Structure formats: C-alpha cells, structure tokens
Amino acid sequence: MLLITYPDGSVFQLSPILLQGTFFKNFFIPGILLTMVGSINMAAVFSTMQRSRDQYNWSLAGGILICGWIIVQIIMIQTFYWLQFLYLSVGVLVILLSIQLKGKWIV
C-alpha cells in the first residue's frame, strides 16, 4: 500500500533506476499488483483460520502468485537478489504443501 501512496519508492529507499528496462515509470502499478498478491495470501490465512473448505485453494493461489511475481520480477529487472530466492522458495513450498494437504482433505 505504501508503494501506491509513495510511487517514487522513497518510503522504501527504492531507486527508480530499478525500473529501467521495464514499462513502469514509477512503483504505482507494482504497488497495486503487490497489494493483490498480499490480499490473496491474507485471504488464505483467514480461510485457514476458519477451516474453510477452500482453504487450500486460497493458499495454492497465493503460492502461485508469489512465484509468478518473483519470476516476472527477475525477468523484468534482470537482476537476482537473495531475497528473491527466499520468496521463490517460500512460494514453491506453499504450492507443494497446498497440493499435499488438499489431496488429504478430499480423501
């Protein structure tokens, strides 16, 4: 949400140079996309807390969005940081756990 409010990236000390080679002029659109990724993952948290029937679907969607975000980010900025590897690993782990638990939930 802060990237939407401060699209110049100053609140996180992000340089607009990071966006060179992309079609983004500032961090507004990436902020909107990250808010959507975070919202889906929050929906997964709340649905898991409520033991909803769709809890594993939400977490699977969240894991896919995290992985998709990081892969597109790496491709667009053409740089790889250690934190991206961490988030990609967490996204893959969420996907694998969701698939495993979803299979057990159905049976």
PDB file of N, CA and C in Angstrom:
ATOM      1  N   MET A   1       0.830  -1.193   0.000  1.00  0.00           N
ATOM      2  CA  MET A   1       0.000   0.000   0.000  1.00  0.00           C
ATOM      3  C   MET A   1       0.878   1.261   0.000  1.00  0.00           C
ATOM      4  N   LEU A   2       2.051   1.163   0.622  1.00  0.00           N
ATOM      5  CA  LEU A   2       2.934   2.331   0.661  1.00  0.00           C
ATOM      6  C   LEU A   2       3.499   2.672  -0.719  1.00  0.00           C
ATOM      7  N   LEU A   3       3.676   1.663  -1.564  1.00  0.00           N
ATOM      8  CA  LEU A   3       4.152   1.948  -2.923  1.00  0.00           C
ATOM      9  C   LEU A   3       3.089   2.670  -3.747  1.00  0.00           C
ATOM     10  N   ILE A   4       1.829   2.449  -3.423  1.00  0.00           N
ATOM     11  CA  ILE A   4       0.749   3.158  -4.104  1.00  0.00           C
ATOM     12  C   ILE A   4       0.717   4.611  -3.618  1.00  0.00           C
ATOM     13  N   THR A   5       0.891   4.785  -2.315  1.00  0.00           N
ATOM     14  CA  THR A   5       0.864   6.118  -1.726  1.00  0.00           C
ATOM     15  C   THR A   5       2.091   6.938  -2.110  1.00  0.00           C
ATOM     16  N   TYR A   6       3.257   6.288  -2.117  1.00  0.00           N
ATOM     17  CA  TYR A   6       4.512   6.946  -2.477  1.00  0.00           C
ATOM     18  C   TYR A   6       5.126   6.217  -3.679  1.00  0.00           C
ATOM     19  N   PRO A   7       4.609   6.481  -4.881  1.00  0.00           N
ATOM     20  CA  PRO A   7       5.061   5.718  -6.055  1.00  0.00           C
ATOM     21  C   PRO A   7       6.505   5.982  -6.467  1.00  0.00           C
ATOM     22  N   ASP A   8       7.141   6.982  -5.869  1.00  0.00           N
ATOM     23  CA  ASP A   8       8.547   7.229  -6.210  1.00  0.00           C
ATOM     24  C   ASP A   8       9.478   6.250  -5.516  1.00  0.00           C
ATOM     25  N   GLY A   9       8.950   5.439  -4.595  1.00  0.00           N
ATOM     26  CA  GLY A   9       9.747   4.423  -3.912  1.00  0.00           C
ATOM     27  C   GLY A   9      10.547   4.954  -2.745  1.00  0.00           C
ATOM     28  N   SER A  10      10.393   6.234  -2.424  1.00  0.00           N
ATOM     29  CA  SER A  10      11.212   6.861  -1.385  1.00  0.00           C
ATOM     30  C   SER A  10      10.984   6.259  -0.005  1.00  0.00           C
ATOM     31  N   VAL A  11       9.785   5.808   0.274  1.00  0.00           N
ATOM     32  CA  VAL A  11       9.493   5.266   1.601  1.00  0.00           C
ATOM     33  C   VAL A  11      10.299   3.988   1.881  1.00  0.00           C
ATOM     34  N   PHE A  12      10.638   3.247   0.840  1.00  0.00           N
ATOM     35  CA  PHE A  12      11.456   2.037   0.971  1.00  0.00           C
ATOM     36  C   PHE A  12      12.885   2.256   0.478  1.00  0.00           C
ATOM     37  N   GLN A  13      13.209   3.485   0.168  1.00  0.00           N
ATOM     38  CA  GLN A  13      14.511   3.848  -0.377  1.00  0.00           C
ATOM     39  C   GLN A  13      14.825   3.068  -1.653  1.00  0.00           C
ATOM     40  N   LEU A  14      13.803   2.921  -2.503  1.00  0.00           N
ATOM     41  CA  LEU A  14      13.957   2.246  -3.792  1.00  0.00           C
ATOM     42  C   LEU A  14      14.285   3.279  -4.853  1.00  0.00           C
ATOM     43  N   SER A  15      15.234   2.972  -5.656  1.00  0.00           N
ATOM     44  CA  SER A  15      15.626   3.876  -6.729  1.00  0.00           C
ATOM     45  C   SER A  15      14.799   3.577  -7.980  1.00  0.00           C
ATOM     46  N   PRO A  16      14.308   4.606  -8.658  1.00  0.00           N
ATOM     47  CA  PRO A  16      13.600   4.390  -9.930  1.00  0.00           C
ATOM     48  C   PRO A  16      14.481   3.723 -10.981  1.00  0.00           C
ATOM     49  N   ILE A  17      15.788   3.702 -10.760  1.00  0.00           N
ATOM     50  CA  ILE A  17      16.702   3.027 -11.677  1.00  0.00           C
ATOM     51  C   ILE A  17      16.369   1.529 -11.760  1.00  0.00           C
ATOM     52  N   LEU A  18      15.806   0.983 -10.664  1.00  0.00           N
ATOM     53  CA  LEU A  18      15.399  -0.434 -10.672  1.00  0.00           C
ATOM     54  C   LEU A  18      14.363  -0.730 -11.747  1.00  0.00           C
ATOM     55  N   LEU A  19      13.625   0.292 -12.150  1.00  0.00           N
ATOM     56  CA  LEU A  19      12.561   0.089 -13.131  1.00  0.00           C
ATOM     57  C   LEU A  19      13.021   0.294 -14.567  1.00  0.00           C
ATOM     58  N   GLN A  20      14.293   0.614 -14.754  1.00  0.00           N
ATOM     59  CA  GLN A  20      14.805   0.759 -16.120  1.00  0.00           C
ATOM     60  C   GLN A  20      14.693  -0.575 -16.844  1.00  0.00           C
ATOM     61  N   GLY A  21      14.268  -0.515 -18.073  1.00  0.00           N
ATOM     62  CA  GLY A  21      14.095  -1.724 -18.859  1.00  0.00           C
ATOM     63  C   GLY A  21      12.713  -2.333 -18.698  1.00  0.00           C
ATOM     64  N   THR A  22      11.889  -1.750 -17.837  1.00  0.00           N
ATOM     65  CA  THR A  22      10.507  -2.198 -17.684  1.00  0.00           C
ATOM     66  C   THR A  22       9.606  -1.126 -18.281  1.00  0.00           C
ATOM     67  N   PHE A  23       8.324  -1.400 -18.341  1.00  0.00           N
ATOM     68  CA  PHE A  23       7.396  -0.395 -18.859  1.00  0.00           C
ATOM     69  C   PHE A  23       6.772   0.423 -17.738  1.00  0.00           C
ATOM     70  N   PHE A  24       7.307   0.312 -16.517  1.00  0.00           N
ATOM     71  CA  PHE A  24       6.824   1.093 -15.385  1.00  0.00           C
ATOM     72  C   PHE A  24       7.644   2.363 -15.240  1.00  0.00           C
ATOM     73  N   LYS A  25       6.970   3.465 -15.029  1.00  0.00           N
ATOM     74  CA  LYS A  25       7.652   4.742 -14.819  1.00  0.00           C
ATOM     75  C   LYS A  25       7.902   4.988 -13.324  1.00  0.00           C
ATOM     76  N   ASN A  26       7.042   4.405 -12.493  1.00  0.00           N
ATOM     77  CA  ASN A  26       7.200   4.512 -11.046  1.00  0.00           C
ATOM     78  C   ASN A  26       6.665   3.226 -10.412  1.00  0.00           C
ATOM     79  N   PHE A  27       6.562   3.200  -9.100  1.00  0.00           N
ATOM     80  CA  PHE A  27       6.194   1.975  -8.392  1.00  0.00           C
ATOM     81  C   PHE A  27       4.695   1.862  -8.119  1.00  0.00           C
ATOM     82  N   PHE A  28       3.871   2.692  -8.754  1.00  0.00           N
ATOM     83  CA  PHE A  28       2.433   2.666  -8.504  1.00  0.00           C
ATOM     84  C   PHE A  28       1.793   1.342  -8.934  1.00  0.00           C
ATOM     85  N   ILE A  29       1.977   0.944 -10.181  1.00  0.00           N
ATOM     86  CA  ILE A  29       1.390  -0.307 -10.685  1.00  0.00           C
ATOM     87  C   ILE A  29       1.977  -1.523  -9.956  1.00  0.00           C
ATOM     88  N   PRO A  30       3.309  -1.599  -9.763  1.00  0.00           N
ATOM     89  CA  PRO A  30       3.832  -2.710  -8.965  1.00  0.00           C
ATOM     90  C   PRO A  30       3.246  -2.740  -7.550  1.00  0.00           C
ATOM     91  N   GLY A  31       2.958  -1.561  -6.984  1.00  0.00           N
ATOM     92  CA  GLY A  31       2.332  -1.499  -5.667  1.00  0.00           C
ATOM     93  C   GLY A  31       0.933  -2.088  -5.678  1.00  0.00           C
ATOM     94  N   ILE A  32       0.176  -1.804  -6.730  1.00  0.00           N
ATOM     95  CA  ILE A  32      -1.174  -2.369  -6.865  1.00  0.00           C
ATOM     96  C   ILE A  32      -1.086  -3.884  -6.996  1.00  0.00           C
ATOM     97  N   LEU A  33      -0.165  -4.354  -7.820  1.00  0.00           N
ATOM     98  CA  LEU A  33      -0.016  -5.801  -8.027  1.00  0.00           C
ATOM     99  C   LEU A  33       0.425  -6.503  -6.740  1.00  0.00           C
ATOM    100  N   LEU A  34       1.347  -5.889  -6.019  1.00  0.00           N
ATOM    101  CA  LEU A  34       1.789  -6.484  -4.751  1.00  0.00           C
ATOM    102  C   LEU A  34       0.671  -6.493  -3.717  1.00  0.00           C
ATOM    103  N   THR A  35      -0.179  -5.478  -3.737  1.00  0.00           N
ATOM    104  CA  THR A  35      -1.327  -5.446  -2.832  1.00  0.00           C
ATOM    105  C   THR A  35      -2.275  -6.596  -3.149  1.00  0.00           C
ATOM    106  N   MET A  36      -2.441  -6.899  -4.431  1.00  0.00           N
ATOM    107  CA  MET A  36      -3.289  -8.027  -4.818  1.00  0.00           C
ATOM    108  C   MET A  36      -2.676  -9.348  -4.365  1.00  0.00           C
ATOM    109  N   VAL A  37      -1.362  -9.500  -4.533  1.00  0.00           N
ATOM    110  CA  VAL A  37      -0.679 -10.716  -4.086  1.00  0.00           C
ATOM    111  C   VAL A  37      -0.841 -10.879  -2.577  1.00  0.00           C
ATOM    112  N   GLY A  38      -0.636  -9.799  -1.849  1.00  0.00           N
ATOM    113  CA  GLY A  38      -0.786  -9.842  -0.395  1.00  0.00           C
ATOM    114  C   GLY A  38      -2.216 -10.118   0.037  1.00  0.00           C
ATOM    115  N   SER A  39      -3.184  -9.562  -0.689  1.00  0.00           N
ATOM    116  CA  SER A  39      -4.594  -9.770  -0.344  1.00  0.00           C
ATOM    117  C   SER A  39      -4.996 -11.229  -0.510  1.00  0.00           C
ATOM    118  N   ILE A  40      -4.540 -11.852  -1.583  1.00  0.00           N
ATOM    119  CA  ILE A  40      -4.852 -13.267  -1.802  1.00  0.00           C
ATOM    120  C   ILE A  40      -4.231 -14.116  -0.691  1.00  0.00           C
ATOM    121  N   ASN A  41      -3.015 -13.783  -0.298  1.00  0.00           N
ATOM    122  CA  ASN A  41      -2.372 -14.543   0.770  1.00  0.00           C
ATOM    123  C   ASN A  41      -3.051 -14.294   2.123  1.00  0.00           C
ATOM    124  N   MET A  42      -3.550 -13.091   2.353  1.00  0.00           N
ATOM    125  CA  MET A  42      -4.309 -12.826   3.577  1.00  0.00           C
ATOM    126  C   MET A  42      -5.629 -13.594   3.563  1.00  0.00           C
ATOM    127  N   ALA A  43      -6.262 -13.693   2.392  1.00  0.00           N
ATOM    128  CA  ALA A  43      -7.481 -14.495   2.268  1.00  0.00           C
ATOM    129  C   ALA A  43      -7.179 -15.953   2.605  1.00  0.00           C
ATOM    130  N   ALA A  44      -5.996 -16.425   2.196  1.00  0.00           N
ATOM    131  CA  ALA A  44      -5.587 -17.794   2.521  1.00  0.00           C
ATOM    132  C   ALA A  44      -5.428 -17.957   4.029  1.00  0.00           C
ATOM    133  N   VAL A  45      -4.847 -16.975   4.682  1.00  0.00           N
ATOM    134  CA  VAL A  45      -4.668 -17.042   6.142  1.00  0.00           C
ATOM    135  C   VAL A  45      -6.021 -17.107   6.837  1.00  0.00           C
ATOM    136  N   PHE A  46      -6.931 -16.201   6.467  1.00  0.00           N
ATOM    137  CA  PHE A  46      -8.236 -16.171   7.125  1.00  0.00           C
ATOM    138  C   PHE A  46      -9.064 -17.414   6.825  1.00  0.00           C
ATOM    139  N   SER A  47      -8.983 -17.915   5.603  1.00  0.00           N
ATOM    140  CA  SER A  47      -9.751 -19.117   5.281  1.00  0.00           C
ATOM    141  C   SER A  47      -9.192 -20.331   6.014  1.00  0.00           C
ATOM    142  N   THR A  48      -7.882 -20.351   6.241  1.00  0.00           N
ATOM    143  CA  THR A  48      -7.287 -21.444   7.015  1.00  0.00           C
ATOM    144  C   THR A  48      -7.685 -21.336   8.480  1.00  0.00           C
ATOM    145  N   MET A  49      -7.727 -20.126   9.005  1.00  0.00           N
ATOM    146  CA  MET A  49      -8.132 -19.937  10.398  1.00  0.00           C
ATOM    147  C   MET A  49      -9.580 -20.374  10.617  1.00  0.00           C
ATOM    148  N   GLN A  50     -10.411 -20.203   9.607  1.00  0.00           N
ATOM    149  CA  GLN A  50     -11.819 -20.580   9.712  1.00  0.00           C
ATOM    150  C   GLN A  50     -12.075 -22.020   9.277  1.00  0.00           C
ATOM    151  N   ARG A  51     -11.016 -22.707   8.878  1.00  0.00           N
ATOM    152  CA  ARG A  51     -11.136 -24.087   8.390  1.00  0.00           C
ATOM    153  C   ARG A  51     -12.127 -24.184   7.232  1.00  0.00           C
ATOM    154  N   SER A  52     -12.040 -23.214   6.339  1.00  0.00           N
ATOM    155  CA  SER A  52     -12.917 -23.157   5.178  1.00  0.00           C
ATOM    156  C   SER A  52     -12.618 -24.321   4.231  1.00  0.00           C
ATOM    157  N   ARG A  53     -13.608 -24.704   3.478  1.00  0.00           N
ATOM    158  CA  ARG A  53     -13.433 -25.778   2.510  1.00  0.00           C
ATOM    159  C   ARG A  53     -12.458 -25.373   1.399  1.00  0.00           C
ATOM    160  N   ASP A  54     -12.348 -24.076   1.154  1.00  0.00           N
ATOM    161  CA  ASP A  54     -11.471 -23.577   0.096  1.00  0.00           C
ATOM    162  C   ASP A  54     -10.101 -23.143   0.613  1.00  0.00           C
ATOM    163  N   GLN A  55      -9.749 -23.504   1.833  1.00  0.00           N
ATOM    164  CA  GLN A  55      -8.500 -23.011   2.418  1.00  0.00           C
ATOM    165  C   GLN A  55      -7.274 -23.385   1.601  1.00  0.00           C
ATOM    166  N   TYR A  56      -7.235 -24.569   1.068  1.00  0.00           N
ATOM    167  CA  TYR A  56      -6.059 -24.983   0.298  1.00  0.00           C
ATOM    168  C   TYR A  56      -6.052 -24.375  -1.096  1.00  0.00           C
ATOM    169  N   ASN A  57      -7.228 -24.085  -1.635  1.00  0.00           N
ATOM    170  CA  ASN A  57      -7.291 -23.389  -2.922  1.00  0.00           C
ATOM    171  C   ASN A  57      -6.733 -21.974  -2.792  1.00  0.00           C
ATOM    172  N   TRP A  58      -7.074 -21.283  -1.703  1.00  0.00           N
ATOM    173  CA  TRP A  58      -6.562 -19.937  -1.472  1.00  0.00           C
ATOM    174  C   TRP A  58      -5.044 -19.962  -1.283  1.00  0.00           C
ATOM    175  N   SER A  59      -4.557 -20.917  -0.513  1.00  0.00           N
ATOM    176  CA  SER A  59      -3.107 -20.967  -0.291  1.00  0.00           C
ATOM    177  C   SER A  59      -2.369 -21.360  -1.571  1.00  0.00           C
ATOM    178  N   LEU A  60      -2.956 -22.231  -2.365  1.00  0.00           N
ATOM    179  CA  LEU A  60      -2.361 -22.591  -3.654  1.00  0.00           C
ATOM    180  C   LEU A  60      -2.286 -21.368  -4.565  1.00  0.00           C
ATOM    181  N   ALA A  61      -3.369 -20.604  -4.614  1.00  0.00           N
ATOM    182  CA  ALA A  61      -3.382 -19.379  -5.422  1.00  0.00           C
ATOM    183  C   ALA A  61      -2.337 -18.387  -4.914  1.00  0.00           C
ATOM    184  N   GLY A  62      -2.224 -18.272  -3.597  1.00  0.00           N
ATOM    185  CA  GLY A  62      -1.226 -17.372  -3.027  1.00  0.00           C
ATOM    186  C   GLY A  62       0.190 -17.785  -3.376  1.00  0.00           C
ATOM    187  N   GLY A  63       0.491 -19.070  -3.292  1.00  0.00           N
ATOM    188  CA  GLY A  63       1.819 -19.569  -3.644  1.00  0.00           C
ATOM    189  C   GLY A  63       2.140 -19.356  -5.113  1.00  0.00           C
ATOM    190  N   ILE A  64       1.154 -19.578  -5.968  1.00  0.00           N
ATOM    191  CA  ILE A  64       1.351 -19.365  -7.405  1.00  0.00           C
ATOM    192  C   ILE A  64       1.611 -17.892  -7.701  1.00  0.00           C
ATOM    193  N   LEU A  65       0.865 -17.009  -7.038  1.00  0.00           N
ATOM    194  CA  LEU A  65       1.069 -15.579  -7.252  1.00  0.00           C
ATOM    195  C   LEU A  65       2.435 -15.112  -6.759  1.00  0.00           C
ATOM    196  N   ILE A  66       2.883 -15.633  -5.624  1.00  0.00           N
ATOM    197  CA  ILE A  66       4.215 -15.265  -5.129  1.00  0.00           C
ATOM    198  C   ILE A  66       5.286 -15.695  -6.133  1.00  0.00           C
ATOM    199  N   CYS A  67       5.204 -16.935  -6.585  1.00  0.00           N
ATOM    200  CA  CYS A  67       6.193 -17.432  -7.549  1.00  0.00           C
ATOM    201  C   CYS A  67       6.126 -16.650  -8.858  1.00  0.00           C
ATOM    202  N   GLY A  68       4.919 -16.393  -9.333  1.00  0.00           N
ATOM    203  CA  GLY A  68       4.754 -15.635 -10.566  1.00  0.00           C
ATOM    204  C   GLY A  68       5.320 -14.234 -10.442  1.00  0.00           C
ATOM    205  N   TRP A  69       5.048 -13.584  -9.319  1.00  0.00           N
ATOM    206  CA  TRP A  69       5.565 -12.236  -9.087  1.00  0.00           C
ATOM    207  C   TRP A  69       7.091 -12.223  -9.143  1.00  0.00           C
ATOM    208  N   ILE A  70       7.710 -13.150  -8.430  1.00  0.00           N
ATOM    209  CA  ILE A  70       9.169 -13.161  -8.346  1.00  0.00           C
ATOM    210  C   ILE A  70       9.793 -13.499  -9.704  1.00  0.00           C
ATOM    211  N   ILE A  71       9.227 -14.467 -10.414  1.00  0.00           N
ATOM    212  CA  ILE A  71       9.773 -14.842 -11.725  1.00  0.00           C
ATOM    213  C   ILE A  71       9.678 -13.674 -12.704  1.00  0.00           C
ATOM    214  N   VAL A  72       8.521 -13.010 -12.740  1.00  0.00           N
ATOM    215  CA  VAL A  72       8.360 -11.859 -13.636  1.00  0.00           C
ATOM    216  C   VAL A  72       9.305 -10.738 -13.209  1.00  0.00           C
ATOM    217  N   GLN A  73       9.460 -10.537 -11.915  1.00  0.00           N
ATOM    218  CA  GLN A  73      10.364  -9.501 -11.421  1.00  0.00           C
ATOM    219  C   GLN A  73      11.808  -9.764 -11.853  1.00  0.00           C
ATOM    220  N   ILE A  74      12.243 -10.998 -11.721  1.00  0.00           N
ATOM    221  CA  ILE A  74      13.607 -11.346 -12.130  1.00  0.00           C
ATOM    222  C   ILE A  74      13.797 -11.115 -13.626  1.00  0.00           C
ATOM    223  N   ILE A  75      12.809 -11.517 -14.411  1.00  0.00           N
ATOM    224  CA  ILE A  75      12.897 -11.342 -15.859  1.00  0.00           C
ATOM    225  C   ILE A  75      12.912  -9.862 -16.229  1.00  0.00           C
ATOM    226  N   MET A  76      12.072  -9.069 -15.577  1.00  0.00           N
ATOM    227  CA  MET A  76      11.949  -7.661 -15.962  1.00  0.00           C
ATOM    228  C   MET A  76      13.139  -6.824 -15.518  1.00  0.00           C
ATOM    229  N   ILE A  77      13.604  -7.007 -14.286  1.00  0.00           N
ATOM    230  CA  ILE A  77      14.705  -6.153 -13.828  1.00  0.00           C
ATOM    231  C   ILE A  77      16.068  -6.771 -14.131  1.00  0.00           C
ATOM    232  N   GLN A  78      16.065  -8.011 -14.576  1.00  0.00           N
ATOM    233  CA  GLN A  78      17.280  -8.729 -14.985  1.00  0.00           C
ATOM    234  C   GLN A  78      18.367  -8.708 -13.911  1.00  0.00           C
ATOM    235  N   THR A  79      17.915  -8.825 -12.676  1.00  0.00           N
ATOM    236  CA  THR A  79      18.826  -8.880 -11.536  1.00  0.00           C
ATOM    237  C   THR A  79      18.264  -9.889 -10.552  1.00  0.00           C
ATOM    238  N   PHE A  80      19.162 -10.573  -9.861  1.00  0.00           N
ATOM    239  CA  PHE A  80      18.721 -11.570  -8.893  1.00  0.00           C
ATOM    240  C   PHE A  80      19.296 -11.231  -7.528  1.00  0.00           C
ATOM    241  N   TYR A  81      18.406 -11.031  -6.563  1.00  0.00           N
ATOM    242  CA  TYR A  81      18.804 -10.748  -5.189  1.00  0.00           C
ATOM    243  C   TYR A  81      18.489 -11.962  -4.321  1.00  0.00           C
ATOM    244  N   TRP A  82      19.180 -12.101  -3.200  1.00  0.00           N
ATOM    245  CA  TRP A  82      18.990 -13.261  -2.320  1.00  0.00           C
ATOM    246  C   TRP A  82      17.558 -13.322  -1.787  1.00  0.00           C
ATOM    247  N   LEU A  83      16.934 -12.175  -1.578  1.00  0.00           N
ATOM    248  CA  LEU A  83      15.574 -12.162  -1.056  1.00  0.00           C
ATOM    249  C   LEU A  83      14.580 -12.749  -2.063  1.00  0.00           C
ATOM    250  N   GLN A  84      14.857 -12.560  -3.356  1.00  0.00           N
ATOM    251  CA  GLN A  84      14.006 -13.162  -4.376  1.00  0.00           C
ATOM    252  C   GLN A  84      14.078 -14.685  -4.302  1.00  0.00           C
ATOM    253  N   PHE A  85      15.260 -15.213  -4.066  1.00  0.00           N
ATOM    254  CA  PHE A  85      15.410 -16.658  -3.926  1.00  0.00           C
ATOM    255  C   PHE A  85      14.617 -17.156  -2.719  1.00  0.00           C
ATOM    256  N   LEU A  86      14.651 -16.402  -1.638  1.00  0.00           N
ATOM    257  CA  LEU A  86      13.905 -16.779  -0.434  1.00  0.00           C
ATOM    258  C   LEU A  86      12.403 -16.790  -0.702  1.00  0.00           C
ATOM    259  N   TYR A  87      11.892 -15.724  -1.316  1.00  0.00           N
ATOM    260  CA  TYR A  87      10.457 -15.661  -1.610  1.00  0.00           C
ATOM    261  C   TYR A  87      10.039 -16.721  -2.618  1.00  0.00           C
ATOM    262  N   LEU A  88      10.866 -16.985  -3.602  1.00  0.00           N
ATOM    263  CA  LEU A  88      10.553 -18.035  -4.573  1.00  0.00           C
ATOM    264  C   LEU A  88      10.503 -19.390  -3.884  1.00  0.00           C
ATOM    265  N   SER A  89      11.427 -19.641  -2.978  1.00  0.00           N
ATOM    266  CA  SER A  89      11.437 -20.900  -2.225  1.00  0.00           C
ATOM    267  C   SER A  89      10.188 -21.033  -1.365  1.00  0.00           C
ATOM    268  N   VAL A  90       9.804 -19.950  -0.705  1.00  0.00           N
ATOM    269  CA  VAL A  90       8.594 -19.973   0.128  1.00  0.00           C
ATOM    270  C   VAL A  90       7.366 -20.210  -0.748  1.00  0.00           C
ATOM    271  N   GLY A  91       7.304 -19.566  -1.901  1.00  0.00           N
ATOM    272  CA  GLY A  91       6.179 -19.768  -2.815  1.00  0.00           C
ATOM    273  C   GLY A  91       6.064 -21.205  -3.278  1.00  0.00           C
ATOM    274  N   VAL A  92       7.191 -21.808  -3.643  1.00  0.00           N
ATOM    275  CA  VAL A  92       7.188 -23.221  -4.070  1.00  0.00           C
ATOM    276  C   VAL A  92       6.771 -24.114  -2.909  1.00  0.00           C
ATOM    277  N   LEU A  93       7.254 -23.829  -1.720  1.00  0.00           N
ATOM    278  CA  LEU A  93       6.883 -24.616  -0.542  1.00  0.00           C
ATOM    279  C   LEU A  93       5.383 -24.511  -0.259  1.00  0.00           C
ATOM    280  N   VAL A  94       4.831 -23.322  -0.369  1.00  0.00           N
ATOM    281  CA  VAL A  94       3.389 -23.139  -0.168  1.00  0.00           C
ATOM    282  C   VAL A  94       2.601 -23.926  -1.206  1.00  0.00           C
ATOM    283  N   ILE A  95       3.044 -23.890  -2.458  1.00  0.00           N
ATOM    284  CA  ILE A  95       2.357 -24.645  -3.515  1.00  0.00           C
ATOM    285  C   ILE A  95       2.390 -26.137  -3.214  1.00  0.00           C
ATOM    286  N   LEU A  96       3.565 -26.653  -2.892  1.00  0.00           N
ATOM    287  CA  LEU A  96       3.693 -28.094  -2.633  1.00  0.00           C
ATOM    288  C   LEU A  96       2.883 -28.530  -1.417  1.00  0.00           C
ATOM    289  N   LEU A  97       2.933 -27.747  -0.353  1.00  0.00           N
ATOM    290  CA  LEU A  97       2.155 -28.084   0.843  1.00  0.00           C
ATOM    291  C   LEU A  97       0.658 -28.006   0.574  1.00  0.00           C
ATOM    292  N   SER A  98       0.242 -27.013  -0.184  1.00  0.00           N
ATOM    293  CA  SER A  98      -1.181 -26.868  -0.507  1.00  0.00           C
ATOM    294  C   SER A  98      -1.688 -28.057  -1.306  1.00  0.00           C
ATOM    295  N   ILE A  99      -0.907 -28.477  -2.280  1.00  0.00           N
ATOM    296  CA  ILE A  99      -1.302 -29.631  -3.091  1.00  0.00           C
ATOM    297  C   ILE A  99      -1.363 -30.885  -2.225  1.00  0.00           C
ATOM    298  N   GLN A 100      -0.356 -31.076  -1.371  1.00  0.00           N
ATOM    299  CA  GLN A 100      -0.322 -32.247  -0.497  1.00  0.00           C
ATOM    300  C   GLN A 100      -1.511 -32.251   0.457  1.00  0.00           C
ATOM    301  N   LEU A 101      -1.764 -31.126   1.118  1.00  0.00           N
ATOM    302  CA  LEU A 101      -2.854 -31.063   2.092  1.00  0.00           C
ATOM    303  C   LEU A 101      -4.221 -31.093   1.415  1.00  0.00           C
ATOM    304  N   LYS A 102      -4.314 -30.537   0.235  1.00  0.00           N
ATOM    305  CA  LYS A 102      -5.586 -30.560  -0.498  1.00  0.00           C
ATOM    306  C   LYS A 102      -5.957 -31.989  -0.850  1.00  0.00           C
ATOM    307  N   GLY A 103      -4.983 -32.780  -1.233  1.00  0.00           N
ATOM    308  CA  GLY A 103      -5.239 -34.185  -1.540  1.00  0.00           C
ATOM    309  C   GLY A 103      -5.729 -34.953  -0.339  1.00  0.00           C
ATOM    310  N   LYS A 104      -5.177 -34.671   0.834  1.00  0.00           N
ATOM    311  CA  LYS A 104      -5.612 -35.333   2.062  1.00  0.00           C
ATOM    312  C   LYS A 104      -6.983 -34.845   2.504  1.00  0.00           C
ATOM    313  N   TRP A 105      -7.303 -33.584   2.223  1.00  0.00           N
ATOM    314  CA  TRP A 105      -8.577 -33.019   2.612  1.00  0.00           C
ATOM    315  C   TRP A 105      -9.721 -33.684   1.835  1.00  0.00           C
ATOM    316  N   ILE A 106      -9.472 -33.969   0.551  1.00  0.00           N
ATOM    317  CA  ILE A 106     -10.502 -34.569  -0.296  1.00  0.00           C
ATOM    318  C   ILE A 106     -10.792 -35.999   0.122  1.00  0.00           C
ATOM    319  N   VAL A 107      -9.747 -36.734   0.493  1.00  0.00           N
ATOM    320  CA  VAL A 107      -9.896 -38.154   0.822  1.00  0.00           C
ATOM    321  C   VAL A 107     -10.500 -38.369   2.154  1.00  0.00           C
TER     322      VAL A 107
END
